Amino acid sequence: MATIVDGGAIMREIREEVRQKIAELVERSRVTPRVAIVEFDANPETTVYTRQLQRAFSAVGIETTVEQIPEDAPLDDARGTLRRLSADATVHGIQVQMPLPKHISLPDLTQALDPAKDLDGIHPYNAGLLAQGRPGIVPATPLAGIEILDRHGIQIAGARAVVVGRSVSVGRPAAALLVQRDATVTVCHTKTRDMTSVTSQAEILMVAAGRAALVGPEMVRPGAAVIDFGINAVDGKLIGDVDAAAAEIAGLFTPVPGGTGPVTNAMMLRNALALYGQVVEESR
């Protein structure tokens, strides 16, 4: 039976660390940290997540502004909001909530985002830094996976790691982070043949496919560290991309809910601290 990750406990520890550092920077600089959350207003699930982020930021002393953009707003209007926030010296970080409306693509939208205020590492500039192994802001969700591995003493260097999913916000950056830490990485996706033969060899298995219970116990190597980023609503319940029965096979397992989700929020707090701290240092 796997060790079940308590994401809430990890989140609380990180939140307290960030709160203390924020307080020190505010006392030194007399500048209040502030982030802006941009959301398109037709998605109630996004609004719920926005409220969660607001509470998380408030708990560590970071002010938030929520900018709601109509679902049917033209691309130019959405870009205008990002340009305005990017130019606002009182805003230290900008979070763009997903999903975007169908008529707005992420590459088109991020052209208007200042990469120095990119709270979740979605700008191509920050993605490029990650790809080259250089310091920068990294998407919070894959960062959460690495944090969980580190806190549970999982050796990444030299490990055989498999990432299921290749999204720009989770799968690809997760693979890049694992490569940075000297893992041998394979990325699986919808075109992968005989995925079970690949995943069953993984000492570290990260799953971000967006399909409920895609990975069954037979696809998991005994003793593997399984990091499930999936959140799927099925019959009124939230389940992951990994079948919960895989916890009987794995050595480490993140439950859904309560696993990677709270740690992702904590990584967002760390990213906000990094962006705010950089501004404070530059103003000295």
Foldseek 3Di string as FASTA:
>chain_A
DADEAQLVVVLVVLLVVLLVLQVVLCVVQVAFAEAEEEEEPPDVVQVVVVVVLCVSCVSSRYHYHYHYDHLPDDLVVLLVVQLVLQPDPNHLAYHYTDDHRPVDDLQSNCVSHDQLRHLAQSRVVSLVCLQVVHDGHHGLLLVLVVVRCVVVVNQLAAFEEEEEDDDPRHRVSNQSVSVSSHHNYDYHYPPDDPQLVRQQRGLEYEYDHQDFQLAELSSHHAAHAYHWPAWDQDPNDTFTNHDPVNSVRYHYDYGPPRGSVSSSSSSSSVSSSVSVVVVSVVVD
